[in-house]
C-alpha cells in the first residue's frame, strides 16, 4: 500500500466530491411494466413474470407497483381481491402458495424472496432492495390462492367479471460518489472520500479488485467522526451479497471470503451525525497469515475438477462433464482424496439457462469395492462451502450449518438434489468421502441422520437422545478417505424432463421469459405433480360421473309427456338434450381413466348448450299456442339465432336470457291476444293456471337459483345434476295439454 500525505488525501477527497456533485442524490425511473393481468394461482404456469435489469452502479432499487381491479362485465360489483408479489434477483422464485408438497429433493439453501400480500384496491406498494445485485431481477405476481374446492362457479354475465391488473415500475437510486475500478491512480485496494448530510453527499459506491484465489480478505473502514456518526455498509460480489453492517467507530475491520469473481462492491450510506472523511481498504489474507494470526490448523487443500459444458438443442438442456483424456461424451470419475476437499465449479450464464431445473447427483463408481464409503456433497452459489467432520455443509453466506445436499451410501444408487430455476452466476459442488467404522446399517443411519440433520423432536431415528455421539451412534466413527465418484451435473426441463406418471412437462412463455413447469392430471399438483391432496378417489369419480350422466334420464319423462301430448318436434329436442348432455358430461366429468368422449369436447359442449337453449325456446313457443304456421316459423328462427349465440359465447348470460325473455314475451302476447278474443282473463285453462304453471315456474326457478349461486367446484356434481332434474321436471309441468290451450 502506498503512503500519502494528509494534504494529498484531502485534495483527493475534495476532487472526488466535486466529481460526484453533478449526480448527487439522483433517483431515476428506468423501467415501467403496465397492464399485467394476474391470474388465479392454480399451478406455477399461471404466475405473471416481469423482468427488470438493475444497473451496476445502483445504490438501491425500488419496485413500485399497484394492483387494482377492472370490471369487464356482469351486473354485480367486483369483490375484494388480494394478490401476492415476489421480487428476486438472478432468476424467478419458485412459489407454491397452495402449500403443495413435492417428492423431489430440492435445494433449500437458495436466495431469499419474501412475498408481499396486498389488497387489490389501487394503493401503491413498494419493495426496496438496498445494494441490489446488478443484472436480472424478476417480479412474480398472482392472485392470492384460494381453495379451489370452495371457489364458486359464477354465471358469466350475472356475476361481475373483473380483471386484476398489476402496474409496476423500477426506480433506481444512484450514488453521490461512485468510484469504479481504474478511476484514479490510487492503490486499487484503498479509497478515500467524504460523506455528510450538510454536503448533500450521503451515498458512495466503491469497487475493488479482490483475487478470487484468496482464502479470506479484510475490509477496513476508517471514519474521522468516530462514534458521533453512523454509516450503513454493504459488501457484495459481482452476483450476490456478502455482508452488511452498521458502522459508528473510528476504525472497523471485517473479515470475509472473497467471491469467485474478482469485482467486489462496497456501498456506504451516511445515516446521521457530522460529516466524515473515510478511508476504505480491502486487503487479501493469505493462508499463512490466517494460521499465524489465529493459530489455526492448516487449511484443507482444495482440488478443483474442471468441467466442460455440453449444450443440447432443447430448451434449458445442457450438462457439465468432467473430461479426462479423449473421451468427451461421458463424465469421467472423480478421484476424491482424504486430504482435500473436492470442488466442481460450473456457471449458469443468463436467463436462457434459468428456466429449467439444475440437477446435481453423485454415484459411487462401480469399481469402488469399499462397502463402508459414503459421499457427502454441498451445493452453493457464489463460493464453495466447506464440509464439516460430521458431513454437514458450512454455509459461507450466513455462517450457518445445514444438512448435506447430496448423500450417497449405496454404490448402485445415485442421489440427486434439484435446483428449480437456478440463479445466474457461478455454482459449486463441494464433496468429500467418509469411511464408516463399523460398516453396519445402524452406523450408516446414524451418519446420514447427522449429515442431513434429520433429527426429529430431539431424538434420533431409534429413540435415543439426540446427538451424533450418543445412543447407538456413540460406537460409530467416520474418517475422510479416498474414493472414486461419478458426477451428474445437468439442466433439463422440469425434473429431469419428467413430471412423473401424473403430469407432463411443458415449456411456457410469459412476457418474453421462457420456463418449464409441470402440467398435472387428475387433481395432482405441486412442482413435480406428486401432491395428491386434491385427488378424488376412483369410487368418488365414478359416483360423480354417474350422477352427472344419469341425472339426464329425467328427460325421459319430458320426452314421454311431449309425445303423449303430440309435441313431436319438442320431444325430438328433449331427446337431443338427453343424448348430448349425457355424452358431454361423460367426457368432462371424469378423469383420464374414467371418461368417454364420443367427439371432441368443444363439439360436445356446443351440442349440449345449443340443444338446451333450443329446448327452452320450443317449450315457451308451445306454451304460447300460436298455431302451426307461427310455431314452425318460430322454431326455425330459434334454430338460426341460437346456433349463432351458442357458437359466439355459449356460457354468457345473454345467450340464456335471449330465448327466455323473448319466449316469455311471446307467451304473454299470445295469451293476451287470446284473452281479448274471448273477452275474459280465464285463459289458459284454470287447472293449468292454478296448478301446473306456478309449480313448473317454481321448480325451474329453484333450479336456476342453485345453478347460478350455489355451484362450487366441490358441489358442482350435485348442484348441476339437480339442475338437470329441475329443468326436466319443469318441462313436464309447463308443457300444456292441448285442451288447456283451447
Foldseek 3Di string as FASTA:
>chain_A
DDDDDPVVLVVQQVVLLVVLQVCFFDKDWDDKDWWDWAAAPPFPQRKFKDKDFADPQFQKKKKKKAKAKDWDAADDDDDKWKKKKKKDPQWDDDDDLVPFDDDAFADPPDDDIDIDIGIRHGDMDMDMDGPDQGTMMMMIMHTHHDDQQPDFDFFFRHDIDMTIIMIITMMTTGASGEAEPPPDPDDLFKDKYKADVVSSHFKYKHKHFDALVFQKKKKKKAKPQAQQWKKKKWKCANGGTADIDIDRGRMDMDMARAFNGGIMMMMIGTDDGGMIMMMIGMGGDHQVNVCVVVVDDRDFAEDEQEWDKDDDDDQLWIWIARDDDDPPPHHFWDKAALRHKYKYKDFQAHLSNQQAKKKKKKAFDPPDPALQKKKFKAKDFRDGFDADQLRWTQDRRVRDTAATSFMGNDRVDMTMYMYHRDGGHMMMMIMFMKGKPPSDPVLVQLSNCSRRVVAPPQAGPVRWGDDCCDDPNVRMHMGTHIGIMGMIIITDHQVNQALPPFWHKDWDAHPNRIHIATDGFQQFGDRSSPGCPRHDDPVVLVVLLCLQLVLLCLLVLLLVLCVVLVVNVLSVLSVQLNVLSNQLSQAPSHTPVRGDHPDDNVVSQLSNLLSVLLNLLLLLLLLLPPDDPVSVVSSVVSNVVLSVVSVVPSSHPVSNVVSNVVSVVSSVVSLVVVCVVVVHNCPQPPCLVPPLVVVLVVLQVVLVCCVNPVHGNNCPSVSSSSNSNSNSVSSSSRNDRPNRHD
